[in-house]
Amino acid sequence: MLPEEAAGAVRAVVAMLTTGAYTELESLTEGRDLGAAAMAAAVEGSGRTLISPPAQDLADPPAAELDAGAEFESAYRVDVPLWTAQEGRSTLTVRLVLLEVLEKVWTVRILAIDDSGAARG
């Protein structure tokens, strides 16, 4: 189970993706891993229109705890299925790493936005 502050970071990323705020997301993530142009290309290239997911879908996203090392308090990997106007819950997924840089202060890395091909739930 993700700490509430980390879950809040996930909700913020998804909200920014659904509104197309790629430049703001790039700034939030300090341009690590996936820049604004790559995020836009991944979403627009999917041919789907992102919509806000139901609140309960992001209430407790499944997360895998990672070794945080000495640099961070804790770390998690979270793969979040996105929602689209065409499909509802989609196979399009945003892959994140959440890092607790100070107690209850989180930073986000967006590793990828891709089609997981998983069955829709």
PDB file of N, CA and C in Angstrom:
ATOM      1  N   MET A   1       0.842  -1.189   0.000  1.00  0.00           N
ATOM      2  CA  MET A   1       0.000   0.000   0.000  1.00  0.00           C
ATOM      3  C   MET A   1       0.883   1.247   0.000  1.00  0.00           C
ATOM      4  N   LEU A   2       0.592   2.137  -0.926  1.00  0.00           N
ATOM      5  CA  LEU A   2       1.366   3.379  -1.030  1.00  0.00           C
ATOM      6  C   LEU A   2       1.024   4.335   0.113  1.00  0.00           C
ATOM      7  N   PRO A   3       2.014   5.041   0.633  1.00  0.00           N
ATOM      8  CA  PRO A   3       1.702   6.135   1.559  1.00  0.00           C
ATOM      9  C   PRO A   3       0.826   7.166   0.848  1.00  0.00           C
ATOM     10  N   GLU A   4      -0.021   7.864   1.601  1.00  0.00           N
ATOM     11  CA  GLU A   4      -0.975   8.808   1.017  1.00  0.00           C
ATOM     12  C   GLU A   4      -0.298   9.866   0.157  1.00  0.00           C
ATOM     13  N   GLU A   5       0.839  10.368   0.594  1.00  0.00           N
ATOM     14  CA  GLU A   5       1.535  11.415  -0.181  1.00  0.00           C
ATOM     15  C   GLU A   5       2.001  10.873  -1.530  1.00  0.00           C
ATOM     16  N   ALA A   6       2.439   9.624  -1.567  1.00  0.00           N
ATOM     17  CA  ALA A   6       2.859   9.000  -2.823  1.00  0.00           C
ATOM     18  C   ALA A   6       1.653   8.769  -3.726  1.00  0.00           C
ATOM     19  N   ALA A   7       0.544   8.306  -3.142  1.00  0.00           N
ATOM     20  CA  ALA A   7      -0.683   8.116  -3.925  1.00  0.00           C
ATOM     21  C   ALA A   7      -1.153   9.452  -4.493  1.00  0.00           C
ATOM     22  N   GLY A   8      -0.983  10.518  -3.727  1.00  0.00           N
ATOM     23  CA  GLY A   8      -1.326  11.857  -4.216  1.00  0.00           C
ATOM     24  C   GLY A   8      -0.485  12.250  -5.412  1.00  0.00           C
ATOM     25  N   ALA A   9       0.793  11.872  -5.393  1.00  0.00           N
ATOM     26  CA  ALA A   9       1.670  12.157  -6.532  1.00  0.00           C
ATOM     27  C   ALA A   9       1.197  11.400  -7.772  1.00  0.00           C
ATOM     28  N   VAL A  10       0.749  10.164  -7.595  1.00  0.00           N
ATOM     29  CA  VAL A  10       0.211   9.377  -8.715  1.00  0.00           C
ATOM     30  C   VAL A  10      -1.020  10.073  -9.288  1.00  0.00           C
ATOM     31  N   ARG A  11      -1.924  10.491  -8.412  1.00  0.00           N
ATOM     32  CA  ARG A  11      -3.143  11.178  -8.873  1.00  0.00           C
ATOM     33  C   ARG A  11      -2.797  12.463  -9.627  1.00  0.00           C
ATOM     34  N   ALA A  12      -1.798  13.192  -9.152  1.00  0.00           N
ATOM     35  CA  ALA A  12      -1.394  14.435  -9.815  1.00  0.00           C
ATOM     36  C   ALA A  12      -0.849  14.152 -11.213  1.00  0.00           C
ATOM     37  N   VAL A  13      -0.025  13.125 -11.342  1.00  0.00           N
ATOM     38  CA  VAL A  13       0.531  12.773 -12.654  1.00  0.00           C
ATOM     39  C   VAL A  13      -0.590  12.398 -13.618  1.00  0.00           C
ATOM     40  N   VAL A  14      -1.513  11.555 -13.173  1.00  0.00           N
ATOM     41  CA  VAL A  14      -2.613  11.126 -14.048  1.00  0.00           C
ATOM     42  C   VAL A  14      -3.476  12.324 -14.445  1.00  0.00           C
ATOM     43  N   ALA A  15      -3.754  13.207 -13.494  1.00  0.00           N
ATOM     44  CA  ALA A  15      -4.563  14.396 -13.807  1.00  0.00           C
ATOM     45  C   ALA A  15      -3.860  15.264 -14.847  1.00  0.00           C
ATOM     46  N   MET A  16      -2.557  15.436 -14.722  1.00  0.00           N
ATOM     47  CA  MET A  16      -1.811  16.249 -15.684  1.00  0.00           C
ATOM     48  C   MET A  16      -1.767  15.579 -17.056  1.00  0.00           C
ATOM     49  N   LEU A  17      -1.645  14.268 -17.080  1.00  0.00           N
ATOM     50  CA  LEU A  17      -1.671  13.563 -18.365  1.00  0.00           C
ATOM     51  C   LEU A  17      -3.019  13.738 -19.053  1.00  0.00           C
ATOM     52  N   THR A  18      -4.106  13.609 -18.292  1.00  0.00           N
ATOM     53  CA  THR A  18      -5.422  13.685 -18.914  1.00  0.00           C
ATOM     54  C   THR A  18      -5.731  15.076 -19.449  1.00  0.00           C
ATOM     55  N   THR A  19      -5.071  16.100 -18.916  1.00  0.00           N
ATOM     56  CA  THR A  19      -5.303  17.456 -19.424  1.00  0.00           C
ATOM     57  C   THR A  19      -4.241  17.873 -20.449  1.00  0.00           C
ATOM     58  N   GLY A  20      -3.317  16.970 -20.745  1.00  0.00           N
ATOM     59  CA  GLY A  20      -2.281  17.286 -21.730  1.00  0.00           C
ATOM     60  C   GLY A  20      -1.230  18.259 -21.216  1.00  0.00           C
ATOM     61  N   ALA A  21      -1.025  18.303 -19.910  1.00  0.00           N
ATOM     62  CA  ALA A  21      -0.052  19.224 -19.306  1.00  0.00           C
ATOM     63  C   ALA A  21       1.348  18.603 -19.326  1.00  0.00           C
ATOM     64  N   TYR A  22       1.825  18.265 -20.516  1.00  0.00           N
ATOM     65  CA  TYR A  22       3.100  17.565 -20.657  1.00  0.00           C
ATOM     66  C   TYR A  22       4.288  18.425 -20.252  1.00  0.00           C
ATOM     67  N   THR A  23       4.266  19.690 -20.580  1.00  0.00           N
ATOM     68  CA  THR A  23       5.371  20.579 -20.204  1.00  0.00           C
ATOM     69  C   THR A  23       5.464  20.689 -18.691  1.00  0.00           C
ATOM     70  N   GLU A  24       4.322  20.806 -18.025  1.00  0.00           N
ATOM     71  CA  GLU A  24       4.303  20.873 -16.574  1.00  0.00           C
ATOM     72  C   GLU A  24       4.798  19.569 -15.961  1.00  0.00           C
ATOM     73  N   LEU A  25       4.425  18.432 -16.558  1.00  0.00           N
ATOM     74  CA  LEU A  25       4.907  17.143 -16.070  1.00  0.00           C
ATOM     75  C   LEU A  25       6.413  17.011 -16.256  1.00  0.00           C
ATOM     76  N   GLU A  26       6.901  17.481 -17.385  1.00  0.00           N
ATOM     77  CA  GLU A  26       8.346  17.444 -17.604  1.00  0.00           C
ATOM     78  C   GLU A  26       9.060  18.276 -16.536  1.00  0.00           C
ATOM     79  N   SER A  27       8.488  19.412 -16.190  1.00  0.00           N
ATOM     80  CA  SER A  27       9.066  20.253 -15.140  1.00  0.00           C
ATOM     81  C   SER A  27       8.994  19.539 -13.787  1.00  0.00           C
ATOM     82  N   LEU A  28       7.853  18.932 -13.489  1.00  0.00           N
ATOM     83  CA  LEU A  28       7.679  18.215 -12.230  1.00  0.00           C
ATOM     84  C   LEU A  28       8.705  17.098 -12.082  1.00  0.00           C
ATOM     85  N   THR A  29       8.979  16.400 -13.161  1.00  0.00           N
ATOM     86  CA  THR A  29       9.902  15.267 -13.120  1.00  0.00           C
ATOM     87  C   THR A  29      11.337  15.668 -13.443  1.00  0.00           C
ATOM     88  N   GLU A  30      11.551  16.959 -13.602  1.00  0.00           N
ATOM     89  CA  GLU A  30      12.863  17.511 -13.937  1.00  0.00           C
ATOM     90  C   GLU A  30      13.419  16.913 -15.225  1.00  0.00           C
ATOM     91  N   GLY A  31      12.518  16.518 -16.111  1.00  0.00           N
ATOM     92  CA  GLY A  31      12.920  16.009 -17.420  1.00  0.00           C
ATOM     93  C   GLY A  31      13.622  14.666 -17.401  1.00  0.00           C
ATOM     94  N   ARG A  32      13.598  13.978 -16.266  1.00  0.00           N
ATOM     95  CA  ARG A  32      14.238  12.659 -16.201  1.00  0.00           C
ATOM     96  C   ARG A  32      13.400  11.653 -16.977  1.00  0.00           C
ATOM     97  N   ASP A  33      14.057  10.789 -17.676  1.00  0.00           N
ATOM     98  CA  ASP A  33      13.463   9.634 -18.344  1.00  0.00           C
ATOM     99  C   ASP A  33      12.554   9.955 -19.524  1.00  0.00           C
ATOM    100  N   LEU A  34      11.495  10.728 -19.335  1.00  0.00           N
ATOM    101  CA  LEU A  34      10.537  10.970 -20.409  1.00  0.00           C
ATOM    102  C   LEU A  34      10.196  12.450 -20.440  1.00  0.00           C
ATOM    103  N   GLY A  35      10.520  13.109 -21.522  1.00  0.00           N
ATOM    104  CA  GLY A  35      10.245  14.531 -21.664  1.00  0.00           C
ATOM    105  C   GLY A  35       8.849  14.783 -22.206  1.00  0.00           C
ATOM    106  N   ALA A  36       8.484  16.062 -22.270  1.00  0.00           N
ATOM    107  CA  ALA A  36       7.144  16.460 -22.711  1.00  0.00           C
ATOM    108  C   ALA A  36       6.834  15.945 -24.114  1.00  0.00           C
ATOM    109  N   ALA A  37       7.765  16.060 -25.037  1.00  0.00           N
ATOM    110  CA  ALA A  37       7.517  15.625 -26.411  1.00  0.00           C
ATOM    111  C   ALA A  37       7.281  14.117 -26.479  1.00  0.00           C
ATOM    112  N   ALA A  38       8.036  13.361 -25.705  1.00  0.00           N
ATOM    113  CA  ALA A  38       7.865  11.904 -25.695  1.00  0.00           C
ATOM    114  C   ALA A  38       6.532  11.510 -25.063  1.00  0.00           C
ATOM    115  N   MET A  39       6.136  12.226 -23.996  1.00  0.00           N
ATOM    116  CA  MET A  39       4.832  11.943 -23.381  1.00  0.00           C
ATOM    117  C   MET A  39       3.705  12.222 -24.369  1.00  0.00           C
ATOM    118  N   ALA A  40       3.763  13.377 -25.029  1.00  0.00           N
ATOM    119  CA  ALA A  40       2.736  13.744 -26.000  1.00  0.00           C
ATOM    120  C   ALA A  40       2.694  12.733 -27.139  1.00  0.00           C
ATOM    121  N   ALA A  41       3.859  12.323 -27.623  1.00  0.00           N
ATOM    122  CA  ALA A  41       3.910  11.359 -28.725  1.00  0.00           C
ATOM    123  C   ALA A  41       3.311  10.019 -28.312  1.00  0.00           C
ATOM    124  N   ALA A  42       3.573   9.596 -27.084  1.00  0.00           N
ATOM    125  CA  ALA A  42       3.041   8.318 -26.618  1.00  0.00           C
ATOM    126  C   ALA A  42       1.520   8.357 -26.527  1.00  0.00           C
ATOM    127  N   VAL A  43       0.985   9.428 -25.969  1.00  0.00           N
ATOM    128  CA  VAL A  43      -0.466   9.535 -25.818  1.00  0.00           C
ATOM    129  C   VAL A  43      -1.127   9.749 -27.177  1.00  0.00           C
ATOM    130  N   GLU A  44      -0.651  10.729 -27.926  1.00  0.00           N
ATOM    131  CA  GLU A  44      -1.257  11.037 -29.221  1.00  0.00           C
ATOM    132  C   GLU A  44      -1.062   9.901 -30.214  1.00  0.00           C
ATOM    133  N   GLY A  45       0.070   9.226 -30.127  1.00  0.00           N
ATOM    134  CA  GLY A  45       0.346   8.100 -31.015  1.00  0.00           C
ATOM    135  C   GLY A  45      -0.542   6.898 -30.748  1.00  0.00           C
ATOM    136  N   SER A  46      -1.127   6.842 -29.556  1.00  0.00           N
ATOM    137  CA  SER A  46      -2.016   5.723 -29.232  1.00  0.00           C
ATOM    138  C   SER A  46      -3.357   5.857 -29.951  1.00  0.00           C
ATOM    139  N   GLY A  47      -3.652   7.091 -30.419  1.00  0.00           N
ATOM    140  CA  GLY A  47      -4.923   7.330 -31.090  1.00  0.00           C
ATOM    141  C   GLY A  47      -6.111   7.378 -30.145  1.00  0.00           C
ATOM    142  N   ARG A  48      -5.816   7.484 -28.849  1.00  0.00           N
ATOM    143  CA  ARG A  48      -6.886   7.503 -27.853  1.00  0.00           C
ATOM    144  C   ARG A  48      -6.899   8.844 -27.121  1.00  0.00           C
ATOM    145  N   THR A  49      -8.039   9.182 -26.548  1.00  0.00           N
ATOM    146  CA  THR A  49      -8.206  10.419 -25.794  1.00  0.00           C
ATOM    147  C   THR A  49      -8.281  10.080 -24.312  1.00  0.00           C
ATOM    148  N   LEU A  50      -7.320  10.576 -23.540  1.00  0.00           N
ATOM    149  CA  LEU A  50      -7.314  10.296 -22.112  1.00  0.00           C
ATOM    150  C   LEU A  50      -8.457  11.028 -21.415  1.00  0.00           C
ATOM    151  N   ILE A  51      -9.044  10.347 -20.432  1.00  0.00           N
ATOM    152  CA  ILE A  51     -10.068  10.941 -19.576  1.00  0.00           C
ATOM    153  C   ILE A  51      -9.692  10.649 -18.122  1.00  0.00           C
ATOM    154  N   SER A  52     -10.303  11.391 -17.217  1.00  0.00           N
ATOM    155  CA  SER A  52     -10.051  11.164 -15.790  1.00  0.00           C
ATOM    156  C   SER A  52     -10.638   9.822 -15.370  1.00  0.00           C
ATOM    157  N   PRO A  53      -9.866   9.040 -14.639  1.00  0.00           N
ATOM    158  CA  PRO A  53     -10.395   7.771 -14.148  1.00  0.00           C
ATOM    159  C   PRO A  53     -11.322   8.004 -12.963  1.00  0.00           C
ATOM    160  N   PRO A  54     -12.154   7.024 -12.639  1.00  0.00           N
ATOM    161  CA  PRO A  54     -12.951   7.131 -11.423  1.00  0.00           C
ATOM    162  C   PRO A  54     -12.017   7.257 -10.219  1.00  0.00           C
ATOM    163  N   ALA A  55     -12.414   8.025  -9.226  1.00  0.00           N
ATOM    164  CA  ALA A  55     -11.573   8.269  -8.052  1.00  0.00           C
ATOM    165  C   ALA A  55     -11.115   6.966  -7.397  1.00  0.00           C
ATOM    166  N   GLN A  56     -11.996   5.984  -7.321  1.00  0.00           N
ATOM    167  CA  GLN A  56     -11.632   4.730  -6.660  1.00  0.00           C
ATOM    168  C   GLN A  56     -10.534   3.982  -7.407  1.00  0.00           C
ATOM    169  N   ASP A  57     -10.384   4.245  -8.701  1.00  0.00           N
ATOM    170  CA  ASP A  57      -9.347   3.573  -9.472  1.00  0.00           C
ATOM    171  C   ASP A  57      -7.949   4.010  -9.030  1.00  0.00           C
ATOM    172  N   LEU A  58      -7.842   5.209  -8.500  1.00  0.00           N
ATOM    173  CA  LEU A  58      -6.542   5.724  -8.058  1.00  0.00           C
ATOM    174  C   LEU A  58      -6.423   5.805  -6.539  1.00  0.00           C
ATOM    175  N   ALA A  59      -7.418   5.297  -5.822  1.00  0.00           N
ATOM    176  CA  ALA A  59      -7.408   5.391  -4.362  1.00  0.00           C
ATOM    177  C   ALA A  59      -6.224   4.638  -3.759  1.00  0.00           C
ATOM    178  N   ASP A  60      -5.924   3.463  -4.282  1.00  0.00           N
ATOM    179  CA  ASP A  60      -4.813   2.657  -3.773  1.00  0.00           C
ATOM    180  C   ASP A  60      -4.182   1.892  -4.934  1.00  0.00           C
ATOM    181  N   PRO A  61      -3.408   2.606  -5.776  1.00  0.00           N
ATOM    182  CA  PRO A  61      -2.829   1.926  -6.933  1.00  0.00           C
ATOM    183  C   PRO A  61      -1.847   0.840  -6.501  1.00  0.00           C
ATOM    184  N   PRO A  62      -1.852  -0.291  -7.201  1.00  0.00           N
ATOM    185  CA  PRO A  62      -0.914  -1.362  -6.842  1.00  0.00           C
ATOM    186  C   PRO A  62       0.520  -0.883  -7.043  1.00  0.00           C
ATOM    187  N   ALA A  63       1.350  -1.178  -6.056  1.00  0.00           N
ATOM    188  CA  ALA A  63       2.722  -0.692  -6.088  1.00  0.00           C
ATOM    189  C   ALA A  63       3.664  -1.783  -5.611  1.00  0.00           C
ATOM    190  N   ALA A  64       4.857  -1.766  -6.162  1.00  0.00           N
ATOM    191  CA  ALA A  64       5.913  -2.675  -5.724  1.00  0.00           C
ATOM    192  C   ALA A  64       6.996  -1.848  -5.044  1.00  0.00           C
ATOM    193  N   GLU A  65       7.300  -2.188  -3.814  1.00  0.00           N
ATOM    194  CA  GLU A  65       8.342  -1.454  -3.104  1.00  0.00           C
ATOM    195  C   GLU A  65       9.701  -1.812  -3.691  1.00  0.00           C
ATOM    196  N   LEU A  66      10.527  -0.797  -3.863  1.00  0.00           N
ATOM    197  CA  LEU A  66      11.869  -0.960  -4.405  1.00  0.00           C
ATOM    198  C   LEU A  66      12.903  -0.690  -3.318  1.00  0.00           C
ATOM    199  N   ASP A  67      14.115  -1.128  -3.555  1.00  0.00           N
ATOM    200  CA  ASP A  67      15.219  -0.791  -2.663  1.00  0.00           C
ATOM    201  C   ASP A  67      15.523   0.687  -2.853  1.00  0.00           C
ATOM    202  N   ALA A  68      15.328   1.477  -1.819  1.00  0.00           N
ATOM    203  CA  ALA A  68      15.525   2.924  -1.910  1.00  0.00           C
ATOM    204  C   ALA A  68      16.989   3.320  -1.812  1.00  0.00           C
ATOM    205  N   GLY A  69      17.833   2.417  -1.393  1.00  0.00           N
ATOM    206  CA  GLY A  69      19.239   2.752  -1.234  1.00  0.00           C
ATOM    207  C   GLY A  69      19.421   3.792  -0.137  1.00  0.00           C
ATOM    208  N   ALA A  70      20.587   4.364  -0.075  1.00  0.00           N
ATOM    209  CA  ALA A  70      20.890   5.353   0.968  1.00  0.00           C
ATOM    210  C   ALA A  70      20.375   6.737   0.608  1.00  0.00           C
ATOM    211  N   GLU A  71      20.067   6.959  -0.662  1.00  0.00           N
ATOM    212  CA  GLU A  71      19.708   8.298  -1.130  1.00  0.00           C
ATOM    213  C   GLU A  71      18.264   8.692  -0.806  1.00  0.00           C
ATOM    214  N   PHE A  72      17.364   7.699  -0.712  1.00  0.00           N
ATOM    215  CA  PHE A  72      15.943   7.993  -0.528  1.00  0.00           C
ATOM    216  C   PHE A  72      15.398   7.282   0.706  1.00  0.00           C
ATOM    217  N   GLU A  73      14.288   7.836   1.246  1.00  0.00           N
ATOM    218  CA  GLU A  73      13.622   7.228   2.393  1.00  0.00           C
ATOM    219  C   GLU A  73      12.939   5.922   1.974  1.00  0.00           C
ATOM    220  N   SER A  74      12.242   5.958   0.843  1.00  0.00           N
ATOM    221  CA  SER A  74      11.588   4.771   0.295  1.00  0.00           C
ATOM    222  C   SER A  74      11.332   4.992  -1.192  1.00  0.00           C
ATOM    223  N   ALA A  75      11.004   3.901  -1.878  1.00  0.00           N
ATOM    224  CA  ALA A  75      10.786   3.969  -3.323  1.00  0.00           C
ATOM    225  C   ALA A  75       9.777   2.905  -3.730  1.00  0.00           C
ATOM    226  N   TYR A  76       8.968   3.248  -4.744  1.00  0.00           N
ATOM    227  CA  TYR A  76       7.952   2.329  -5.252  1.00  0.00           C
ATOM    228  C   TYR A  76       7.901   2.402  -6.772  1.00  0.00           C
ATOM    229  N   ARG A  77       7.552   1.289  -7.381  1.00  0.00           N
ATOM    230  CA  ARG A  77       7.251   1.215  -8.804  1.00  0.00           C
ATOM    231  C   ARG A  77       5.739   1.066  -8.921  1.00  0.00           C
ATOM    232  N   VAL A  78       5.121   1.897  -9.755  1.00  0.00           N
ATOM    233  CA  VAL A  78       3.672   1.862  -9.918  1.00  0.00           C
ATOM    234  C   VAL A  78       3.355   1.904 -11.410  1.00  0.00           C
ATOM    235  N   ASP A  79       2.574   0.940 -11.882  1.00  0.00           N
ATOM    236  CA  ASP A  79       2.085   0.935 -13.254  1.00  0.00           C
ATOM    237  C   ASP A  79       0.595   1.242 -13.188  1.00  0.00           C
ATOM    238  N   VAL A  80       0.211   2.390 -13.746  1.00  0.00           N
ATOM    239  CA  VAL A  80      -1.162   2.863 -13.627  1.00  0.00           C
ATOM    240  C   VAL A  80      -1.883   2.757 -14.968  1.00  0.00           C
ATOM    241  N   PRO A  81      -2.925   1.924 -15.049  1.00  0.00           N
ATOM    242  CA  PRO A  81      -3.729   1.902 -16.269  1.00  0.00           C
ATOM    243  C   PRO A  81      -4.443   3.247 -16.427  1.00  0.00           C
ATOM    244  N   LEU A  82      -4.374   3.778 -17.622  1.00  0.00           N
ATOM    245  CA  LEU A  82      -5.045   5.045 -17.905  1.00  0.00           C
ATOM    246  C   LEU A  82      -6.452   4.762 -18.426  1.00  0.00           C
ATOM    247  N   TRP A  83      -7.281   5.785 -18.425  1.00  0.00           N
ATOM    248  CA  TRP A  83      -8.648   5.669 -18.929  1.00  0.00           C
ATOM    249  C   TRP A  83      -8.770   6.509 -20.188  1.00  0.00           C
ATOM    250  N   THR A  84      -9.505   5.975 -21.165  1.00  0.00           N
ATOM    251  CA  THR A  84      -9.692   6.698 -22.421  1.00  0.00           C
ATOM    252  C   THR A  84     -11.176   6.801 -22.753  1.00  0.00           C
ATOM    253  N   ALA A  85     -11.488   7.809 -23.560  1.00  0.00           N
ATOM    254  CA  ALA A  85     -12.868   7.994 -24.008  1.00  0.00           C
ATOM    255  C   ALA A  85     -13.326   6.799 -24.841  1.00  0.00           C
ATOM    256  N   GLN A  86     -12.406   6.169 -25.536  1.00  0.00           N
ATOM    257  CA  GLN A  86     -12.748   5.055 -26.417  1.00  0.00           C
ATOM    258  C   GLN A  86     -12.971   3.750 -25.669  1.00  0.00           C
ATOM    259  N   GLU A  87     -12.235   3.525 -24.579  1.00  0.00           N
ATOM    260  CA  GLU A  87     -12.241   2.215 -23.930  1.00  0.00           C
ATOM    261  C   GLU A  87     -12.703   2.192 -22.481  1.00  0.00           C
ATOM    262  N   GLY A  88     -12.728   3.322 -21.822  1.00  0.00           N
ATOM    263  CA  GLY A  88     -12.834   3.281 -20.365  1.00  0.00           C
ATOM    264  C   GLY A  88     -11.454   2.915 -19.848  1.00  0.00           C
ATOM    265  N   ARG A  89     -11.389   1.958 -18.923  1.00  0.00           N
ATOM    266  CA  ARG A  89     -10.081   1.503 -18.437  1.00  0.00           C
ATOM    267  C   ARG A  89      -9.328   0.894 -19.615  1.00  0.00           C
ATOM    268  N   SER A  90      -8.151   1.428 -19.867  1.00  0.00           N
ATOM    269  CA  SER A  90      -7.411   1.104 -21.073  1.00  0.00           C
ATOM    270  C   SER A  90      -6.198   0.222 -20.783  1.00  0.00           C
ATOM    271  N   THR A  91      -5.640  -0.335 -21.843  1.00  0.00           N
ATOM    272  CA  THR A  91      -4.366  -1.025 -21.725  1.00  0.00           C
ATOM    273  C   THR A  91      -3.198  -0.032 -21.793  1.00  0.00           C
ATOM    274  N   LEU A  92      -3.494   1.217 -22.091  1.00  0.00           N
ATOM    275  CA  LEU A  92      -2.473   2.267 -22.074  1.00  0.00           C
ATOM    276  C   LEU A  92      -2.097   2.517 -20.617  1.00  0.00           C
ATOM    277  N   THR A  93      -0.816   2.444 -20.322  1.00  0.00           N
ATOM    278  CA  THR A  93      -0.332   2.469 -18.944  1.00  0.00           C
ATOM    279  C   THR A  93       0.775   3.497 -18.781  1.00  0.00           C
ATOM    280  N   VAL A  94       0.765   4.216 -17.648  1.00  0.00           N
ATOM    281  CA  VAL A  94       1.896   5.075 -17.307  1.00  0.00           C
ATOM    282  C   VAL A  94       2.698   4.332 -16.238  1.00  0.00           C
ATOM    283  N   ARG A  95       3.996   4.219 -16.478  1.00  0.00           N
ATOM    284  CA  ARG A  95       4.895   3.482 -15.582  1.00  0.00           C
ATOM    285  C   ARG A  95       5.734   4.488 -14.799  1.00  0.00           C
ATOM    286  N   LEU A  96       5.588   4.445 -13.478  1.00  0.00           N
ATOM    287  CA  LEU A  96       6.197   5.448 -12.607  1.00  0.00           C
ATOM    288  C   LEU A  96       7.143   4.816 -11.589  1.00  0.00           C
ATOM    289  N   VAL A  97       8.099   5.613 -11.158  1.00  0.00           N
ATOM    290  CA  VAL A  97       8.870   5.325  -9.953  1.00  0.00           C
ATOM    291  C   VAL A  97       8.670   6.522  -9.037  1.00  0.00           C
ATOM    292  N   LEU A  98       8.268   6.236  -7.803  1.00  0.00           N
ATOM    293  CA  LEU A  98       8.054   7.272  -6.795  1.00  0.00           C
ATOM    294  C   LEU A  98       9.172   7.169  -5.767  1.00  0.00           C
ATOM    295  N   LEU A  99       9.803   8.290  -5.496  1.00  0.00           N
ATOM    296  CA  LEU A  99      10.936   8.324  -4.584  1.00  0.00           C
ATOM    297  C   LEU A  99      10.667   9.309  -3.459  1.00  0.00           C
ATOM    298  N   GLU A 100      10.787   8.853  -2.221  1.00  0.00           N
ATOM    299  CA  GLU A 100      10.597   9.723  -1.064  1.00  0.00           C
ATOM    300  C   GLU A 100      11.945  10.377  -0.743  1.00  0.00           C
ATOM    301  N   VAL A 101      12.059  11.644  -1.100  1.00  0.00           N
ATOM    302  CA  VAL A 101      13.342  12.347  -0.947  1.00  0.00           C
ATOM    303  C   VAL A 101      13.556  12.840   0.485  1.00  0.00           C
ATOM    304  N   LEU A 102      12.487  13.184   1.154  1.00  0.00           N
ATOM    305  CA  LEU A 102      12.455  13.534   2.573  1.00  0.00           C
ATOM    306  C   LEU A 102      11.178  12.933   3.126  1.00  0.00           C
ATOM    307  N   GLU A 103      11.046  12.858   4.431  1.00  0.00           N
ATOM    308  CA  GLU A 103       9.836  12.275   4.993  1.00  0.00           C
ATOM    309  C   GLU A 103       8.596  12.983   4.439  1.00  0.00           C
ATOM    310  N   LYS A 104       7.729  12.203   3.775  1.00  0.00           N
ATOM    311  CA  LYS A 104       6.469  12.652   3.180  1.00  0.00           C
ATOM    312  C   LYS A 104       6.638  13.623   2.009  1.00  0.00           C
ATOM    313  N   VAL A 105       7.820  13.689   1.438  1.00  0.00           N
ATOM    314  CA  VAL A 105       8.074  14.516   0.252  1.00  0.00           C
ATOM    315  C   VAL A 105       8.530  13.571  -0.860  1.00  0.00           C
ATOM    316  N   TRP A 106       7.744  13.559  -1.949  1.00  0.00           N
ATOM    317  CA  TRP A 106       7.953  12.584  -3.025  1.00  0.00           C
ATOM    318  C   TRP A 106       8.328  13.265  -4.331  1.00  0.00           C
ATOM    319  N   THR A 107       9.155  12.581  -5.095  1.00  0.00           N
ATOM    320  CA  THR A 107       9.438  12.977  -6.457  1.00  0.00           C
ATOM    321  C   THR A 107       9.014  11.819  -7.367  1.00  0.00           C
ATOM    322  N   VAL A 108       8.760  12.142  -8.613  1.00  0.00           N
ATOM    323  CA  VAL A 108       8.228  11.150  -9.555  1.00  0.00           C
ATOM    324  C   VAL A 108       9.135  11.052 -10.765  1.00  0.00           C
ATOM    325  N   ARG A 109       9.343   9.830 -11.220  1.00  0.00           N
ATOM    326  CA  ARG A 109       9.974   9.580 -12.512  1.00  0.00           C
ATOM    327  C   ARG A 109       8.950   8.879 -13.387  1.00  0.00           C
ATOM    328  N   ILE A 110       8.749   9.385 -14.600  1.00  0.00           N
ATOM    329  CA  ILE A 110       7.857   8.727 -15.557  1.00  0.00           C
ATOM    330  C   ILE A 110       8.747   7.920 -16.483  1.00  0.00           C
ATOM    331  N   LEU A 111       8.691   6.609 -16.329  1.00  0.00           N
ATOM    332  CA  LEU A 111       9.552   5.733 -17.121  1.00  0.00           C
ATOM    333  C   LEU A 111       9.018   5.531 -18.524  1.00  0.00           C
ATOM    334  N   ALA A 112       7.688   5.401 -18.648  1.00  0.00           N
ATOM    335  CA  ALA A 112       7.097   5.122 -19.962  1.00  0.00           C
ATOM    336  C   ALA A 112       5.599   5.351 -19.917  1.00  0.00           C
ATOM    337  N   ILE A 113       5.065   5.604 -21.083  1.00  0.00           N
ATOM    338  CA  ILE A 113       3.621   5.564 -21.318  1.00  0.00           C
ATOM    339  C   ILE A 113       3.479   4.624 -22.503  1.00  0.00           C
ATOM    340  N   ASP A 114       2.912   3.448 -22.255  1.00  0.00           N
ATOM    341  CA  ASP A 114       2.848   2.457 -23.325  1.00  0.00           C
ATOM    342  C   ASP A 114       1.621   1.578 -23.187  1.00  0.00           C
ATOM    343  N   ASP A 115       1.417   0.762 -24.183  1.00  0.00           N
ATOM    344  CA  ASP A 115       0.270  -0.136 -24.211  1.00  0.00           C
ATOM    345  C   ASP A 115       0.720  -1.460 -23.609  1.00  0.00           C
ATOM    346  N   SER A 116       0.196  -1.752 -22.435  1.00  0.00           N
ATOM    347  CA  SER A 116       0.601  -2.962 -21.724  1.00  0.00           C
ATOM    348  C   SER A 116       0.056  -4.229 -22.385  1.00  0.00           C
ATOM    349  N   GLY A 117      -1.030  -4.074 -23.153  1.00  0.00           N
ATOM    350  CA  GLY A 117      -1.631  -5.243 -23.791  1.00  0.00           C
ATOM    351  C   GLY A 117      -2.370  -6.137 -22.818  1.00  0.00           C
ATOM    352  N   ALA A 118      -2.451  -5.694 -21.538  1.00  0.00           N
ATOM    353  CA  ALA A 118      -3.120  -6.503 -20.525  1.00  0.00           C
ATOM    354  C   ALA A 118      -4.629  -6.489 -20.742  1.00  0.00           C
ATOM    355  N   ALA A 119      -5.272  -7.490 -20.258  1.00  0.00           N
ATOM    356  CA  ALA A 119      -6.734  -7.552 -20.352  1.00  0.00           C
ATOM    357  C   ALA A 119      -7.346  -6.415 -19.536  1.00  0.00           C
ATOM    358  N   ARG A 120      -8.394  -5.850 -20.057  1.00  0.00           N
ATOM    359  CA  ARG A 120      -9.071  -4.763 -19.350  1.00  0.00           C
ATOM    360  C   ARG A 120      -9.875  -5.340 -18.191  1.00  0.00           C
ATOM    361  N   GLY A 121      -9.879  -4.532 -17.085  1.00  0.00           N
ATOM    362  CA  GLY A 121     -10.603  -5.010 -15.912  1.00  0.00           C
ATOM    363  C   GLY A 121     -11.820  -4.212 -15.623  1.00  0.00           C
TER     364      GLY A 121
END
